[in-house]
């Protein structure tokens, strides 16, 4: 037997004593429930439907771009630089 394997096997009872669990218990249903991640059971919606105000804003922007024959680089932009939280009272540079 390899020396590393032999050392690992001799350390196993010490580790089981520290965590107060037996390695053989990790395959049981009780162990699976105890150590399971509850977040994995949640069915997340990664593509939620947009709110009505956002849909309206996107449509209005699209209509404006069509009327002005100008395409903005971002689909929704903040046009008022003074209200930008990154800017200070001296303005945005």
PDB file of N, CA and C in Angstrom:
ATOM      1  N   UNK A   1       0.853  -1.180   0.000  1.00  0.00           N
ATOM      2  CA  UNK A   1       0.000   0.000   0.000  1.00  0.00           C
ATOM      3  C   UNK A   1       0.896   1.240   0.000  1.00  0.00           C
ATOM      4  N   UNK A   2       0.505   2.233  -0.751  1.00  0.00           N
ATOM      5  CA  UNK A   2       1.224   3.497  -0.843  1.00  0.00           C
ATOM      6  C   UNK A   2       1.258   4.181   0.522  1.00  0.00           C
ATOM      7  N   UNK A   3       2.362   4.834   0.834  1.00  0.00           N
ATOM      8  CA  UNK A   3       2.526   5.488   2.132  1.00  0.00           C
ATOM      9  C   UNK A   3       1.491   6.598   2.338  1.00  0.00           C
ATOM     10  N   UNK A   4       1.186   7.387   1.290  1.00  0.00           N
ATOM     11  CA  UNK A   4       0.190   8.458   1.410  1.00  0.00           C
ATOM     12  C   UNK A   4      -1.196   7.897   1.715  1.00  0.00           C
ATOM     13  N   UNK A   5      -1.554   6.803   1.064  1.00  0.00           N
ATOM     14  CA  UNK A   5      -2.849   6.171   1.310  1.00  0.00           C
ATOM     15  C   UNK A   5      -2.893   5.659   2.748  1.00  0.00           C
ATOM     16  N   UNK A   6      -1.830   5.019   3.169  1.00  0.00           N
ATOM     17  CA  UNK A   6      -1.759   4.479   4.528  1.00  0.00           C
ATOM     18  C   UNK A   6      -1.902   5.602   5.561  1.00  0.00           C
ATOM     19  N   UNK A   7      -1.221   6.740   5.334  1.00  0.00           N
ATOM     20  CA  UNK A   7      -1.326   7.876   6.251  1.00  0.00           C
ATOM     21  C   UNK A   7      -2.734   8.455   6.256  1.00  0.00           C
ATOM     22  N   UNK A   8      -3.353   8.550   5.082  1.00  0.00           N
ATOM     23  CA  UNK A   8      -4.724   9.072   5.001  1.00  0.00           C
ATOM     24  C   UNK A   8      -5.689   8.187   5.768  1.00  0.00           C
ATOM     25  N   UNK A   9      -5.535   6.879   5.614  1.00  0.00           N
ATOM     26  CA  UNK A   9      -6.413   5.947   6.318  1.00  0.00           C
ATOM     27  C   UNK A   9      -6.205   6.015   7.821  1.00  0.00           C
ATOM     28  N   UNK A  10      -4.983   6.273   8.262  1.00  0.00           N
ATOM     29  CA  UNK A  10      -4.743   6.385   9.708  1.00  0.00           C
ATOM     30  C   UNK A  10      -5.284   7.700  10.259  1.00  0.00           C
ATOM     31  N   UNK A  11      -5.397   8.741   9.417  1.00  0.00           N
ATOM     32  CA  UNK A  11      -5.928  10.032   9.852  1.00  0.00           C
ATOM     33  C   UNK A  11      -7.455  10.079   9.825  1.00  0.00           C
ATOM     34  N   UNK A  12      -8.072   9.136   9.154  1.00  0.00           N
ATOM     35  CA  UNK A  12      -9.526   9.135   9.011  1.00  0.00           C
ATOM     36  C   UNK A  12     -10.251   9.102  10.356  1.00  0.00           C
ATOM     37  N   UNK A  13      -9.885   8.235  11.296  1.00  0.00           N
ATOM     38  CA  UNK A  13     -10.589   8.239  12.584  1.00  0.00           C
ATOM     39  C   UNK A  13     -10.434   9.567  13.336  1.00  0.00           C
ATOM     40  N   UNK A  14      -9.297  10.214  13.193  1.00  0.00           N
ATOM     41  CA  UNK A  14      -9.087  11.512  13.844  1.00  0.00           C
ATOM     42  C   UNK A  14     -10.039  12.548  13.241  1.00  0.00           C
ATOM     43  N   UNK A  15     -10.117  12.580  11.921  1.00  0.00           N
ATOM     44  CA  UNK A  15     -11.005  13.535  11.246  1.00  0.00           C
ATOM     45  C   UNK A  15     -12.465  13.257  11.586  1.00  0.00           C
ATOM     46  N   UNK A  16     -12.857  11.992  11.624  1.00  0.00           N
ATOM     47  CA  UNK A  16     -14.239  11.646  11.985  1.00  0.00           C
ATOM     48  C   UNK A  16     -14.558  12.083  13.399  1.00  0.00           C
ATOM     49  N   UNK A  17     -13.578  11.998  14.287  1.00  0.00           N
ATOM     50  CA  UNK A  17     -13.788  12.459  15.659  1.00  0.00           C
ATOM     51  C   UNK A  17     -13.956  13.966  15.738  1.00  0.00           C
ATOM     52  N   UNK A  18     -13.221  14.690  14.923  1.00  0.00           N
ATOM     53  CA  UNK A  18     -13.299  16.151  14.931  1.00  0.00           C
ATOM     54  C   UNK A  18     -14.668  16.628  14.446  1.00  0.00           C
ATOM     55  N   UNK A  19     -15.149  16.059  13.354  1.00  0.00           N
ATOM     56  CA  UNK A  19     -16.429  16.509  12.790  1.00  0.00           C
ATOM     57  C   UNK A  19     -17.618  15.747  13.360  1.00  0.00           C
ATOM     58  N   UNK A  20     -17.338  14.774  14.212  1.00  0.00           N
ATOM     59  CA  UNK A  20     -18.386  13.964  14.861  1.00  0.00           C
ATOM     60  C   UNK A  20     -19.303  13.311  13.836  1.00  0.00           C
ATOM     61  N   UNK A  21     -18.694  12.753  12.803  1.00  0.00           N
ATOM     62  CA  UNK A  21     -19.432  12.047  11.768  1.00  0.00           C
ATOM     63  C   UNK A  21     -18.567  10.905  11.252  1.00  0.00           C
ATOM     64  N   UNK A  22     -19.226   9.859  10.825  1.00  0.00           N
ATOM     65  CA  UNK A  22     -18.532   8.708  10.282  1.00  0.00           C
ATOM     66  C   UNK A  22     -18.573   8.799   8.767  1.00  0.00           C
ATOM     67  N   UNK A  23     -17.455   8.531   8.119  1.00  0.00           N
ATOM     68  CA  UNK A  23     -17.368   8.634   6.662  1.00  0.00           C
ATOM     69  C   UNK A  23     -18.425   7.768   5.989  1.00  0.00           C
ATOM     70  N   UNK A  24     -18.725   6.628   6.549  1.00  0.00           N
ATOM     71  CA  UNK A  24     -19.704   5.720   5.947  1.00  0.00           C
ATOM     72  C   UNK A  24     -21.124   6.264   6.021  1.00  0.00           C
ATOM     73  N   UNK A  25     -21.370   7.253   6.885  1.00  0.00           N
ATOM     74  CA  UNK A  25     -22.706   7.834   7.025  1.00  0.00           C
ATOM     75  C   UNK A  25     -23.046   8.827   5.917  1.00  0.00           C
ATOM     76  N   UNK A  26     -22.070   9.216   5.092  1.00  0.00           N
ATOM     77  CA  UNK A  26     -22.318  10.267   4.110  1.00  0.00           C
ATOM     78  C   UNK A  26     -23.151   9.811   2.924  1.00  0.00           C
ATOM     79  N   UNK A  27     -23.418   8.538   2.788  1.00  0.00           N
ATOM     80  CA  UNK A  27     -24.245   8.089   1.677  1.00  0.00           C
ATOM     81  C   UNK A  27     -25.705   7.926   2.048  1.00  0.00           C
ATOM     82  N   UNK A  28     -26.056   8.139   3.311  1.00  0.00           N
ATOM     83  CA  UNK A  28     -27.429   7.930   3.764  1.00  0.00           C
ATOM     84  C   UNK A  28     -28.325   9.097   3.373  1.00  0.00           C
ATOM     85  N   UNK A  29     -29.625   8.880   3.385  1.00  0.00           N
ATOM     86  CA  UNK A  29     -30.593   9.934   3.047  1.00  0.00           C
ATOM     87  C   UNK A  29     -30.523  11.076   4.055  1.00  0.00           C
ATOM     88  N   UNK A  30     -30.330  10.742   5.331  1.00  0.00           N
ATOM     89  CA  UNK A  30     -30.228  11.778   6.362  1.00  0.00           C
ATOM     90  C   UNK A  30     -29.029  12.684   6.094  1.00  0.00           C
ATOM     91  N   UNK A  31     -27.925  12.092   5.707  1.00  0.00           N
ATOM     92  CA  UNK A  31     -26.723  12.860   5.413  1.00  0.00           C
ATOM     93  C   UNK A  31     -26.918  13.723   4.163  1.00  0.00           C
ATOM     94  N   UNK A  32     -27.558  13.162   3.152  1.00  0.00           N
ATOM     95  CA  UNK A  32     -27.802  13.928   1.923  1.00  0.00           C
ATOM     96  C   UNK A  32     -28.669  15.150   2.207  1.00  0.00           C
ATOM     97  N   UNK A  33     -29.680  14.978   3.056  1.00  0.00           N
ATOM     98  CA  UNK A  33     -30.562  16.087   3.396  1.00  0.00           C
ATOM     99  C   UNK A  33     -29.813  17.142   4.220  1.00  0.00           C
ATOM    100  N   UNK A  34     -28.990  16.683   5.148  1.00  0.00           N
ATOM    101  CA  UNK A  34     -28.251  17.606   6.009  1.00  0.00           C
ATOM    102  C   UNK A  34     -27.264  18.452   5.222  1.00  0.00           C
ATOM    103  N   UNK A  35     -26.586  17.856   4.266  1.00  0.00           N
ATOM    104  CA  UNK A  35     -25.529  18.551   3.534  1.00  0.00           C
ATOM    105  C   UNK A  35     -25.973  19.063   2.166  1.00  0.00           C
ATOM    106  N   UNK A  36     -27.240  18.955   1.865  1.00  0.00           N
ATOM    107  CA  UNK A  36     -27.704  19.423   0.551  1.00  0.00           C
ATOM    108  C   UNK A  36     -27.797  20.948   0.532  1.00  0.00           C
ATOM    109  N   UNK A  37     -27.721  21.500  -0.649  1.00  0.00           N
ATOM    110  CA  UNK A  37     -27.804  22.943  -0.847  1.00  0.00           C
ATOM    111  C   UNK A  37     -29.248  23.297  -1.209  1.00  0.00           C
ATOM    112  N   UNK A  38     -29.989  23.980  -0.311  1.00  0.00           N
ATOM    113  CA  UNK A  38     -31.400  24.277  -0.600  1.00  0.00           C
ATOM    114  C   UNK A  38     -31.581  25.193  -1.806  1.00  0.00           C
ATOM    115  N   UNK A  39     -30.578  25.980  -2.152  1.00  0.00           N
ATOM    116  CA  UNK A  39     -30.706  26.882  -3.299  1.00  0.00           C
ATOM    117  C   UNK A  39     -30.811  26.102  -4.608  1.00  0.00           C
ATOM    118  N   UNK A  40     -30.273  24.889  -4.640  1.00  0.00           N
ATOM    119  CA  UNK A  40     -30.343  24.098  -5.863  1.00  0.00           C
ATOM    120  C   UNK A  40     -31.759  23.594  -6.129  1.00  0.00           C
ATOM    121  N   UNK A  41     -32.625  23.615  -5.117  1.00  0.00           N
ATOM    122  CA  UNK A  41     -34.007  23.144  -5.279  1.00  0.00           C
ATOM    123  C   UNK A  41     -34.920  24.232  -5.842  1.00  0.00           C
ATOM    124  N   UNK A  42     -34.462  25.480  -5.825  1.00  0.00           N
ATOM    125  CA  UNK A  42     -35.276  26.597  -6.295  1.00  0.00           C
ATOM    126  C   UNK A  42     -35.201  26.673  -7.817  1.00  0.00           C
ATOM    127  N   UNK A  43     -36.347  26.808  -8.439  1.00  0.00           N
ATOM    128  CA  UNK A  43     -36.394  26.963  -9.892  1.00  0.00           C
ATOM    129  C   UNK A  43     -36.361  28.456 -10.211  1.00  0.00           C
ATOM    130  N   UNK A  44     -35.176  28.946 -10.519  1.00  0.00           N
ATOM    131  CA  UNK A  44     -34.996  30.365 -10.812  1.00  0.00           C
ATOM    132  C   UNK A  44     -35.437  30.671 -12.238  1.00  0.00           C
ATOM    133  N   UNK A  45     -36.035  31.843 -12.408  1.00  0.00           N
ATOM    134  CA  UNK A  45     -36.414  32.324 -13.722  1.00  0.00           C
ATOM    135  C   UNK A  45     -35.347  33.322 -14.166  1.00  0.00           C
ATOM    136  N   UNK A  46     -34.467  32.879 -15.050  1.00  0.00           N
ATOM    137  CA  UNK A  46     -33.364  33.720 -15.486  1.00  0.00           C
ATOM    138  C   UNK A  46     -33.765  34.647 -16.635  1.00  0.00           C
ATOM    139  N   UNK A  47     -34.993  34.548 -17.102  1.00  0.00           N
ATOM    140  CA  UNK A  47     -35.478  35.440 -18.158  1.00  0.00           C
ATOM    141  C   UNK A  47     -36.889  35.910 -17.788  1.00  0.00           C
ATOM    142  N   UNK A  48     -36.993  36.708 -16.710  1.00  0.00           N
ATOM    143  CA  UNK A  48     -38.333  37.151 -16.307  1.00  0.00           C
ATOM    144  C   UNK A  48     -38.919  38.135 -17.322  1.00  0.00           C
ATOM    145  N   UNK A  49     -40.231  38.201 -17.358  1.00  0.00           N
ATOM    146  CA  UNK A  49     -40.900  39.151 -18.243  1.00  0.00           C
ATOM    147  C   UNK A  49     -40.633  40.564 -17.734  1.00  0.00           C
ATOM    148  N   UNK A  50     -40.380  41.473 -18.644  1.00  0.00           N
ATOM    149  CA  UNK A  50     -40.083  42.846 -18.257  1.00  0.00           C
ATOM    150  C   UNK A  50     -41.343  43.548 -17.772  1.00  0.00           C
ATOM    151  N   UNK A  51     -41.148  44.483 -16.867  1.00  0.00           N
ATOM    152  CA  UNK A  51     -42.232  45.284 -16.328  1.00  0.00           C
ATOM    153  C   UNK A  51     -42.804  46.183 -17.430  1.00  0.00           C
ATOM    154  N   UNK A  52     -44.044  46.568 -17.295  1.00  0.00           N
ATOM    155  CA  UNK A  52     -44.720  47.381 -18.313  1.00  0.00           C
ATOM    156  C   UNK A  52     -44.012  48.689 -18.619  1.00  0.00           C
ATOM    157  N   UNK A  53     -43.492  49.366 -17.580  1.00  0.00           N
ATOM    158  CA  UNK A  53     -42.798  50.638 -17.799  1.00  0.00           C
ATOM    159  C   UNK A  53     -41.546  50.442 -18.645  1.00  0.00           C
ATOM    160  N   UNK A  54     -40.831  49.347 -18.434  1.00  0.00           N
ATOM    161  CA  UNK A  54     -39.618  49.076 -19.212  1.00  0.00           C
ATOM    162  C   UNK A  54     -39.992  48.788 -20.666  1.00  0.00           C
ATOM    163  N   UNK A  55     -41.048  47.993 -20.862  1.00  0.00           N
ATOM    164  CA  UNK A  55     -41.498  47.707 -22.233  1.00  0.00           C
ATOM    165  C   UNK A  55     -41.879  48.997 -22.954  1.00  0.00           C
ATOM    166  N   UNK A  56     -42.605  49.876 -22.241  1.00  0.00           N
ATOM    167  CA  UNK A  56     -42.995  51.156 -22.839  1.00  0.00           C
ATOM    168  C   UNK A  56     -41.776  51.994 -23.191  1.00  0.00           C
ATOM    169  N   UNK A  57     -40.799  52.042 -22.288  1.00  0.00           N
ATOM    170  CA  UNK A  57     -39.580  52.823 -22.534  1.00  0.00           C
ATOM    171  C   UNK A  57     -38.827  52.292 -23.745  1.00  0.00           C
ATOM    172  N   UNK A  58     -38.719  50.970 -23.854  1.00  0.00           N
ATOM    173  CA  UNK A  58     -38.023  50.389 -24.995  1.00  0.00           C
ATOM    174  C   UNK A  58     -38.749  50.688 -26.304  1.00  0.00           C
ATOM    175  N   UNK A  59     -40.086  50.622 -26.277  1.00  0.00           N
ATOM    176  CA  UNK A  59     -40.856  50.915 -27.486  1.00  0.00           C
ATOM    177  C   UNK A  59     -40.727  52.389 -27.861  1.00  0.00           C
ATOM    178  N   UNK A  60     -40.808  53.267 -26.864  1.00  0.00           N
ATOM    179  CA  UNK A  60     -40.681  54.700 -27.134  1.00  0.00           C
ATOM    180  C   UNK A  60     -39.301  55.037 -27.681  1.00  0.00           C
ATOM    181  N   UNK A  61     -38.274  54.415 -27.146  1.00  0.00           N
ATOM    182  CA  UNK A  61     -36.924  54.648 -27.646  1.00  0.00           C
ATOM    183  C   UNK A  61     -36.802  54.167 -29.083  1.00  0.00           C
ATOM    184  N   UNK A  62     -37.354  52.992 -29.359  1.00  0.00           N
ATOM    185  CA  UNK A  62     -37.306  52.458 -30.717  1.00  0.00           C
ATOM    186  C   UNK A  62     -38.037  53.375 -31.696  1.00  0.00           C
ATOM    187  N   UNK A  63     -39.214  53.857 -31.291  1.00  0.00           N
ATOM    188  CA  UNK A  63     -39.975  54.780 -32.148  1.00  0.00           C
ATOM    189  C   UNK A  63     -39.202  56.080 -32.391  1.00  0.00           C
ATOM    190  N   UNK A  64     -38.574  56.597 -31.350  1.00  0.00           N
ATOM    191  CA  UNK A  64     -37.795  57.831 -31.475  1.00  0.00           C
ATOM    192  C   UNK A  64     -36.612  57.631 -32.403  1.00  0.00           C
ATOM    193  N   UNK A  65     -35.913  56.500 -32.264  1.00  0.00           N
ATOM    194  CA  UNK A  65     -34.780  56.219 -33.143  1.00  0.00           C
ATOM    195  C   UNK A  65     -35.229  56.127 -34.596  1.00  0.00           C
ATOM    196  N   UNK A  66     -36.409  55.544 -34.818  1.00  0.00           N
ATOM    197  CA  UNK A  66     -36.938  55.442 -36.179  1.00  0.00           C
ATOM    198  C   UNK A  66     -37.267  56.835 -36.725  1.00  0.00           C
ATOM    199  N   UNK A  67     -37.943  57.655 -35.917  1.00  0.00           N
ATOM    200  CA  UNK A  67     -38.326  59.001 -36.359  1.00  0.00           C
ATOM    201  C   UNK A  67     -37.120  59.885 -36.643  1.00  0.00           C
ATOM    202  N   UNK A  68     -36.091  59.789 -35.791  1.00  0.00           N
ATOM    203  CA  UNK A  68     -34.909  60.639 -35.946  1.00  0.00           C
ATOM    204  C   UNK A  68     -33.865  60.043 -36.883  1.00  0.00           C
ATOM    205  N   UNK A  69     -34.088  58.815 -37.297  1.00  0.00           N
ATOM    206  CA  UNK A  69     -33.121  58.093 -38.142  1.00  0.00           C
ATOM    207  C   UNK A  69     -31.734  58.101 -37.500  1.00  0.00           C
ATOM    208  N   UNK A  70     -31.723  57.873 -36.189  1.00  0.00           N
ATOM    209  CA  UNK A  70     -30.473  57.842 -35.416  1.00  0.00           C
ATOM    210  C   UNK A  70     -30.570  56.696 -34.400  1.00  0.00           C
ATOM    211  N   UNK A  71     -29.557  55.861 -34.391  1.00  0.00           N
ATOM    212  CA  UNK A  71     -29.540  54.721 -33.469  1.00  0.00           C
ATOM    213  C   UNK A  71     -28.601  55.040 -32.315  1.00  0.00           C
ATOM    214  N   UNK A  72     -29.130  55.005 -31.097  1.00  0.00           N
ATOM    215  CA  UNK A  72     -28.290  55.205 -29.920  1.00  0.00           C
ATOM    216  C   UNK A  72     -27.436  53.968 -29.705  1.00  0.00           C
ATOM    217  N   UNK A  73     -26.229  54.163 -29.157  1.00  0.00           N
ATOM    218  CA  UNK A  73     -25.316  53.041 -28.958  1.00  0.00           C
ATOM    219  C   UNK A  73     -25.822  52.080 -27.895  1.00  0.00           C
ATOM    220  N   UNK A  74     -26.477  52.586 -26.867  1.00  0.00           N
ATOM    221  CA  UNK A  74     -27.066  51.749 -25.825  1.00  0.00           C
ATOM    222  C   UNK A  74     -28.570  51.769 -25.993  1.00  0.00           C
ATOM    223  N   UNK A  75     -29.221  50.682 -25.638  1.00  0.00           N
ATOM    224  CA  UNK A  75     -30.664  50.646 -25.833  1.00  0.00           C
ATOM    225  C   UNK A  75     -31.381  51.585 -24.871  1.00  0.00           C
ATOM    226  N   UNK A  76     -30.915  51.677 -23.625  1.00  0.00           N
ATOM    227  CA  UNK A  76     -31.487  52.642 -22.689  1.00  0.00           C
ATOM    228  C   UNK A  76     -30.336  53.446 -22.106  1.00  0.00           C
ATOM    229  N   UNK A  77     -30.376  54.767 -22.287  1.00  0.00           N
ATOM    230  CA  UNK A  77     -29.303  55.618 -21.791  1.00  0.00           C
ATOM    231  C   UNK A  77     -29.879  56.679 -20.875  1.00  0.00           C
ATOM    232  N   UNK A  78     -29.043  57.125 -19.940  1.00  0.00           N
ATOM    233  CA  UNK A  78     -29.431  58.218 -19.072  1.00  0.00           C
ATOM    234  C   UNK A  78     -28.939  59.495 -19.729  1.00  0.00           C
ATOM    235  N   UNK A  79     -29.856  60.356 -20.154  1.00  0.00           N
ATOM    236  CA  UNK A  79     -29.477  61.536 -20.912  1.00  0.00           C
ATOM    237  C   UNK A  79     -29.164  62.735 -20.025  1.00  0.00           C
ATOM    238  N   UNK A  80     -29.604  62.722 -18.780  1.00  0.00           N
ATOM    239  CA  UNK A  80     -29.385  63.839 -17.877  1.00  0.00           C
ATOM    240  C   UNK A  80     -28.132  63.585 -17.045  1.00  0.00           C
ATOM    241  N   UNK A  81     -27.000  64.185 -17.421  1.00  0.00           N
ATOM    242  CA  UNK A  81     -25.723  63.941 -16.751  1.00  0.00           C
ATOM    243  C   UNK A  81     -25.716  64.493 -15.334  1.00  0.00           C
ATOM    244  N   UNK A  82     -26.511  65.525 -15.070  1.00  0.00           N
ATOM    245  CA  UNK A  82     -26.510  66.118 -13.732  1.00  0.00           C
ATOM    246  C   UNK A  82     -27.097  65.183 -12.687  1.00  0.00           C
ATOM    247  N   UNK A  83     -27.959  64.281 -13.079  1.00  0.00           N
ATOM    248  CA  UNK A  83     -28.539  63.362 -12.110  1.00  0.00           C
ATOM    249  C   UNK A  83     -27.761  62.054 -12.019  1.00  0.00           C
ATOM    250  N   UNK A  84     -26.672  61.953 -12.756  1.00  0.00           N
ATOM    251  CA  UNK A  84     -25.844  60.749 -12.722  1.00  0.00           C
ATOM    252  C   UNK A  84     -25.150  60.661 -11.364  1.00  0.00           C
ATOM    253  N   UNK A  85     -25.316  59.562 -10.618  1.00  0.00           N
ATOM    254  CA  UNK A  85     -24.710  59.469  -9.291  1.00  0.00           C
ATOM    255  C   UNK A  85     -23.179  59.448  -9.317  1.00  0.00           C
ATOM    256  N   UNK A  86     -22.585  59.172 -10.472  1.00  0.00           N
ATOM    257  CA  UNK A  86     -21.128  59.167 -10.571  1.00  0.00           C
ATOM    258  C   UNK A  86     -20.592  60.608 -10.624  1.00  0.00           C
ATOM    259  N   UNK A  87     -21.381  61.529 -11.157  1.00  0.00           N
ATOM    260  CA  UNK A  87     -20.950  62.909 -11.287  1.00  0.00           C
ATOM    261  C   UNK A  87     -21.046  63.618  -9.933  1.00  0.00           C
ATOM    262  N   UNK A  88     -20.183  64.588  -9.717  1.00  0.00           N
ATOM    263  CA  UNK A  88     -20.252  65.383  -8.509  1.00  0.00           C
ATOM    264  C   UNK A  88     -20.770  66.782  -8.846  1.00  0.00           C
ATOM    265  N   UNK A  89     -20.712  67.700  -7.887  1.00  0.00           N
ATOM    266  CA  UNK A  89     -21.258  69.035  -8.125  1.00  0.00           C
ATOM    267  C   UNK A  89     -20.453  69.822  -9.164  1.00  0.00           C
ATOM    268  N   UNK A  90     -19.222  69.378  -9.433  1.00  0.00           N
ATOM    269  CA  UNK A  90     -18.405  70.055 -10.442  1.00  0.00           C
ATOM    270  C   UNK A  90     -18.782  69.594 -11.860  1.00  0.00           C
ATOM    271  N   UNK A  91     -19.598  68.555 -11.953  1.00  0.00           N
ATOM    272  CA  UNK A  91     -20.030  68.064 -13.251  1.00  0.00           C
ATOM    273  C   UNK A  91     -19.322  66.784 -13.650  1.00  0.00           C
ATOM    274  N   UNK A  92     -19.646  66.311 -14.811  1.00  0.00           N
ATOM    275  CA  UNK A  92     -19.050  65.068 -15.342  1.00  0.00           C
ATOM    276  C   UNK A  92     -17.995  65.415 -16.372  1.00  0.00           C
ATOM    277  N   UNK A  93     -16.879  64.749 -16.307  1.00  0.00           N
ATOM    278  CA  UNK A  93     -15.837  64.979 -17.309  1.00  0.00           C
ATOM    279  C   UNK A  93     -15.659  63.734 -18.142  1.00  0.00           C
TER     280      UNK A  93
END
